[in-house]
Protein backbone atom coordinates (compact mmCIF):
# COMPACT_ATOMS: atom_id res chain seq x y z
CA MET A 1 -39.80 -37.87 -16.64
CA GLY A 2 -43.45 -38.62 -17.08
CA ASN A 3 -45.41 -41.08 -14.96
CA SER A 4 -46.09 -43.22 -18.04
CA ILE A 5 -42.37 -43.86 -18.45
CA LEU A 6 -41.97 -44.90 -14.84
CA THR A 7 -45.08 -47.09 -14.97
CA SER A 8 -43.78 -48.83 -18.09
CA PHE A 9 -40.47 -49.51 -16.37
CA SER A 10 -42.17 -50.72 -13.23
CA LEU A 11 -44.54 -53.06 -14.98
CA SER A 12 -42.53 -54.65 -17.76
CA ASP A 13 -38.76 -54.58 -17.47
CA ARG A 14 -37.20 -57.59 -15.76
CA ARG A 15 -34.27 -59.77 -16.74
CA GLN A 16 -33.81 -63.40 -15.87
CA LEU A 17 -30.84 -64.23 -13.66
CA GLY A 18 -29.11 -66.99 -15.59
CA GLN A 19 -30.86 -70.35 -15.34
CA SER A 20 -32.67 -69.43 -12.13
CA ASP A 21 -36.31 -68.44 -11.81
CA ILE A 22 -35.28 -65.06 -10.40
CA GLN A 23 -36.31 -61.98 -12.36
CA VAL A 24 -34.47 -58.77 -11.52
CA SER A 25 -34.81 -55.15 -12.49
CA PRO A 26 -32.06 -54.02 -14.89
CA LEU A 27 -31.07 -51.44 -12.29
CA GLY A 28 -30.43 -52.66 -8.75
CA LEU A 29 -29.92 -50.58 -5.63
CA GLY A 30 -26.69 -50.88 -3.68
CA THR A 31 -27.02 -50.27 0.05
CA THR A 32 -23.48 -49.64 1.27
CA LYS A 33 -24.47 -46.07 2.14
CA PHE A 34 -27.37 -47.34 4.27
CA GLY A 35 -24.92 -48.48 6.91
CA ARG A 36 -21.31 -47.50 6.28
CA ASN A 37 -19.51 -44.24 5.52
CA THR A 38 -15.93 -45.05 6.53
CA ASP A 39 -13.14 -46.50 4.39
CA VAL A 40 -15.20 -46.10 1.21
CA LYS A 41 -14.12 -44.82 -2.20
CA TYR A 42 -16.85 -42.31 -2.99
CA PRO A 43 -15.71 -38.83 -4.08
CA GLN A 44 -17.58 -37.04 -1.30
CA SER A 45 -18.18 -37.79 2.35
CA PHE A 46 -21.76 -38.37 3.46
CA ASP A 47 -23.89 -38.92 6.54
CA ILE A 48 -25.78 -42.18 6.91
CA PRO A 49 -29.51 -41.42 6.58
CA ASP A 50 -31.97 -42.10 9.36
CA GLU A 51 -34.53 -44.86 8.92
CA LYS A 52 -37.36 -42.45 8.17
CA HIS A 53 -35.49 -41.30 5.07
CA LEU A 54 -34.56 -44.85 4.11
CA ASP A 55 -38.16 -46.01 4.47
CA SER A 56 -39.42 -43.42 2.00
CA PHE A 57 -36.38 -44.02 -0.20
CA LEU A 58 -37.12 -47.75 -0.51
CA LYS A 59 -40.76 -47.02 -1.27
CA LEU A 60 -39.63 -44.69 -4.06
CA ALA A 61 -37.29 -47.37 -5.41
CA ALA A 62 -40.19 -49.83 -5.50
CA ASP A 63 -42.43 -47.29 -7.23
CA LEU A 64 -39.73 -46.76 -9.85
CA GLY A 65 -39.59 -50.48 -10.58
CA ILE A 66 -36.43 -51.53 -8.74
CA ASN A 67 -36.70 -54.92 -7.06
CA LEU A 68 -33.03 -55.87 -6.50
CA LEU A 69 -31.29 -54.79 -3.30
CA ASP A 70 -27.60 -55.51 -2.82
CA THR A 71 -26.24 -55.66 0.71
CA ALA A 72 -23.49 -57.40 2.69
CA PRO A 73 -22.26 -57.97 6.25
CA ALA A 74 -19.40 -55.60 5.36
CA TYR A 75 -21.85 -52.73 4.79
CA GLY A 76 -22.18 -51.73 8.43
CA ASP A 77 -25.73 -52.22 9.72
CA SER A 78 -27.31 -52.22 6.25
CA GLU A 79 -28.75 -55.73 6.71
CA GLU A 80 -30.36 -54.86 10.06
CA LYS A 81 -31.96 -51.74 8.62
CA LEU A 82 -33.32 -53.60 5.61
CA GLY A 83 -34.74 -56.26 7.90
CA ARG A 84 -36.72 -53.65 9.81
CA LEU A 85 -37.71 -51.56 6.80
CA LEU A 86 -38.85 -54.42 4.55
CA ARG A 87 -41.12 -56.00 7.13
CA GLY A 88 -44.37 -56.87 5.36
CA THR A 89 -42.89 -56.37 1.87
CA ARG A 90 -40.07 -58.93 1.88
CA GLN A 91 -41.74 -60.94 -0.90
CA ASP A 92 -41.61 -57.92 -3.22
CA TRP A 93 -37.81 -57.75 -3.21
CA ILE A 94 -34.87 -59.78 -4.50
CA ILE A 95 -32.22 -59.50 -1.79
CA SER A 96 -28.59 -60.18 -2.57
CA THR A 97 -26.13 -60.45 0.31
CA LYS A 98 -22.62 -61.82 0.70
CA VAL A 99 -20.34 -64.03 2.77
CA GLY A 100 -16.62 -64.00 3.49
CA GLU A 101 -15.94 -60.37 4.40
CA ARG A 102 -16.71 -58.49 7.56
CA TYR A 103 -15.96 -54.85 8.40
CA ILE A 104 -15.50 -54.15 12.10
CA ASP A 105 -13.87 -51.17 13.82
CA GLY A 106 -12.63 -49.73 10.53
CA LYS A 107 -11.04 -52.91 9.22
CA SER A 108 -12.06 -55.60 6.76
CA SER A 109 -11.33 -59.22 7.55
CA PHE A 110 -11.89 -62.27 5.40
CA ASP A 111 -12.83 -65.83 6.38
CA PHE A 112 -14.05 -68.34 3.82
CA SER A 113 -14.13 -71.41 6.06
CA THR A 114 -17.22 -73.61 6.26
CA HIS A 115 -17.93 -72.47 9.83
CA SER A 116 -17.64 -68.80 8.90
CA ILE A 117 -19.92 -69.17 5.87
CA ARG A 118 -22.55 -70.99 7.92
CA HIS A 119 -22.41 -68.41 10.71
CA SER A 120 -22.61 -65.54 8.19
CA ILE A 121 -25.73 -66.96 6.55
CA GLU A 122 -27.42 -67.50 9.91
CA SER A 123 -26.57 -63.94 10.89
CA SER A 124 -27.89 -62.49 7.62
CA LEU A 125 -31.16 -64.41 7.93
CA THR A 126 -31.63 -63.02 11.44
CA LYS A 127 -30.70 -59.46 10.57
CA LEU A 128 -32.80 -59.41 7.40
CA ARG A 129 -35.72 -61.04 9.26
CA THR A 130 -36.28 -63.63 6.58
CA ASP A 131 -36.18 -67.40 6.26
CA TYR A 132 -34.54 -67.42 2.83
CA LEU A 133 -32.01 -65.44 0.80
CA ASP A 134 -32.51 -64.86 -2.91
CA ILE A 135 -28.84 -64.41 -3.83
CA VAL A 136 -25.68 -65.00 -1.84
CA LEU A 137 -22.30 -64.02 -3.27
CA ILE A 138 -18.85 -64.98 -2.03
CA HIS A 139 -17.32 -61.58 -1.23
CA CYS A 140 -13.90 -62.36 -2.69
CA ASP A 141 -10.71 -60.47 -2.07
CA LYS A 142 -8.04 -60.27 -4.78
CA GLU A 143 -7.27 -63.99 -4.38
CA ASP A 144 -10.66 -64.96 -5.81
CA HIS A 145 -9.47 -67.95 -7.84
CA GLU A 146 -7.74 -69.49 -4.81
CA ILE A 147 -10.78 -68.89 -2.61
CA LEU A 148 -13.10 -70.64 -5.04
CA GLN A 149 -10.64 -73.41 -5.80
CA GLN A 150 -10.19 -74.18 -2.11
CA GLY A 151 -13.86 -75.03 -2.14
CA ASP A 152 -15.14 -74.70 1.45
CA ALA A 153 -17.29 -71.66 0.71
CA VAL A 154 -18.61 -73.14 -2.53
CA ALA A 155 -19.52 -76.46 -0.93
CA GLU A 156 -21.32 -74.83 1.99
CA LEU A 157 -23.31 -72.48 -0.24
CA MET A 158 -24.28 -75.40 -2.46
CA ARG A 159 -25.51 -77.30 0.60
CA LEU A 160 -27.60 -74.33 1.72
CA ARG A 161 -28.97 -73.87 -1.80
CA ASP A 162 -29.97 -77.54 -1.90
CA MET A 163 -31.75 -77.06 1.45
CA GLY A 164 -33.72 -74.14 0.02
CA THR A 165 -32.19 -71.54 2.34
CA ILE A 166 -30.61 -69.80 -0.68
CA ARG A 167 -32.14 -69.58 -4.14
CA CYS A 168 -29.06 -68.60 -6.14
CA ILE A 169 -25.31 -68.58 -5.36
CA GLY A 170 -22.40 -66.79 -6.96
CA ALA A 171 -19.20 -64.85 -6.45
CA SER A 172 -18.28 -61.19 -6.47
CA SER A 173 -15.02 -61.73 -8.30
CA LYS A 174 -11.92 -59.66 -9.01
CA THR A 175 -10.15 -61.45 -11.88
CA ARG A 176 -11.05 -63.23 -15.08
CA ALA A 177 -9.61 -66.47 -13.71
CA GLY A 178 -11.81 -66.18 -10.63
CA GLY A 179 -14.82 -65.28 -12.72
CA LEU A 180 -14.31 -68.25 -15.03
CA LEU A 181 -14.12 -70.64 -12.10
CA ALA A 182 -17.26 -69.11 -10.59
CA LEU A 183 -19.09 -69.60 -13.90
CA GLU A 184 -18.09 -73.26 -13.87
CA GLU A 185 -19.40 -73.97 -10.38
CA LEU A 186 -21.94 -71.32 -9.40
CA ASP A 187 -25.12 -69.68 -10.71
CA LEU A 188 -23.88 -66.15 -11.31
CA ILE A 189 -21.02 -63.71 -11.08
CA MET A 190 -20.78 -60.10 -9.97
CA ILE A 191 -18.10 -58.18 -11.83
CA SER A 192 -16.80 -54.66 -12.23
CA TYR A 193 -17.67 -53.39 -15.70
CA SER A 194 -17.95 -49.93 -17.25
CA PRO A 195 -16.68 -47.96 -20.26
CA ASP A 196 -13.50 -47.24 -18.28
CA ASP A 197 -13.05 -50.79 -16.97
CA ARG A 198 -13.49 -53.50 -19.58
CA SER A 199 -10.96 -55.87 -18.03
CA GLN A 200 -13.60 -58.54 -17.45
CA GLN A 201 -15.57 -58.02 -20.66
CA GLN A 202 -14.77 -61.51 -21.94
CA LEU A 203 -16.65 -62.93 -18.97
CA LEU A 204 -19.88 -61.60 -20.47
CA GLN A 205 -19.48 -63.93 -23.43
CA ASP A 206 -18.46 -66.78 -21.14
CA ALA A 207 -21.54 -66.24 -18.98
CA ALA A 208 -23.84 -66.05 -22.00
CA ALA A 209 -22.43 -69.31 -23.37
CA LYS A 210 -23.12 -71.04 -20.05
CA ASN A 211 -26.43 -69.25 -19.44
CA LYS A 212 -25.21 -67.90 -16.11
CA GLY A 213 -26.28 -64.67 -14.50
CA VAL A 214 -24.20 -61.48 -14.40
CA ILE A 215 -24.63 -58.56 -12.02
CA VAL A 216 -22.42 -55.52 -12.50
CA LYS A 217 -20.83 -53.68 -9.58
CA LYS A 218 -19.06 -50.31 -9.72
CA ALA A 219 -21.19 -49.36 -12.72
CA LEU A 220 -20.52 -45.69 -11.98
CA ALA A 221 -16.96 -46.23 -10.66
CA SER A 222 -18.06 -45.60 -7.06
CA GLY A 223 -19.43 -42.20 -8.01
CA HIS A 224 -16.45 -41.15 -10.13
CA ALA A 225 -18.06 -41.73 -13.55
CA ALA A 226 -17.92 -38.66 -15.77
CA ASN A 227 -21.13 -39.49 -17.62
CA ILE A 228 -23.74 -41.53 -15.76
CA GLN A 229 -26.02 -41.90 -18.76
CA SER A 230 -23.24 -43.21 -20.99
CA ASN A 231 -22.14 -45.71 -18.36
CA LEU A 232 -25.60 -47.14 -17.83
CA GLU A 233 -26.33 -47.29 -21.55
CA PHE A 234 -23.01 -49.05 -22.18
CA ILE A 235 -23.70 -51.64 -19.47
CA LEU A 236 -27.38 -52.32 -20.00
CA LYS A 237 -27.12 -52.72 -23.76
CA ALA A 238 -25.29 -55.98 -23.02
CA ARG A 239 -28.03 -58.59 -22.78
CA ALA A 240 -25.76 -60.97 -20.85
CA ILE A 241 -26.02 -58.55 -17.93
CA SER A 242 -29.01 -59.13 -15.69
CA SER A 243 -28.64 -55.98 -13.61
CA ALA A 244 -26.30 -53.11 -12.79
CA VAL A 245 -26.17 -52.26 -9.09
CA VAL A 246 -25.81 -48.57 -8.28
CA GLY A 247 -25.64 -47.27 -4.73
CA THR A 248 -27.26 -43.99 -3.77
CA ILE A 249 -29.17 -42.39 -0.91
CA SER A 250 -30.33 -39.41 -2.99
CA GLU A 251 -33.87 -39.48 -4.35
CA ASP A 252 -32.87 -37.19 -7.21
CA HIS A 253 -30.00 -39.46 -8.18
CA LEU A 254 -32.26 -42.50 -7.97
CA ARG A 255 -34.82 -40.96 -10.30
CA GLN A 256 -32.06 -39.89 -12.69
CA ASN A 257 -30.52 -43.37 -12.72
CA VAL A 258 -33.87 -44.96 -13.45
CA HIS A 259 -34.50 -42.49 -16.26
CA TYR A 260 -31.16 -43.35 -17.85
CA ALA A 261 -31.76 -47.07 -17.40
CA ILE A 262 -35.09 -46.78 -19.18
CA SER A 263 -33.39 -45.04 -22.10
CA ALA A 264 -30.72 -47.73 -22.25
CA ILE A 265 -33.06 -50.69 -22.50
CA ARG A 266 -35.46 -49.27 -25.06
């Protein structure tokens, strides 16, 4: 990979997130591995890096043109680490976090009540050391349609968006029914999508018709993808997709993913 390729990617390639004014890199960086290595689905175990490594890793990501970071309260202490590491550069990043799920003492728990959503946002603002959040997603479990239909989480996120605390709200959904409801009421959806999982493919057309944003999770099947290049090319060729989030703590993997993303969007 030549420097000219990376410079071109860094300078020019951004995609609009639905109707918002947010511009994201086609490849986002997932940060689960920044803070959690238990009860995860990756093919190999791993140690959580120290903050010296993560500091240089985030600087590399920025140099390669990535501006979207995906985190969540359920990702261990990922938010706290990002808050410390991004001090002085917060404005250079689009930070996506979540509400509804927490992971404590090896167990996930879900709470989508108004009080829980409000407390989660306040906690994320404190941990991330910021006074606003670019993207907040409802971290749905398998009952995504019921969660969104019940409405407490949606109403509270809308209130916080109207206040300016959040720029863009959405849902990390599990089903087409949940995704459709999210597209009706929110600004974006996060869906699983890859050559081996096209179960929510119709949502891409639905999102495009409504001019709503789409972020892809599990783009590489949590590290199980047989062909990384094919997966990223398949995903990023779809113009309805704003960004594909891929988690890694390896500099070599990060460079490789960026290289493949560049090839996909040319």
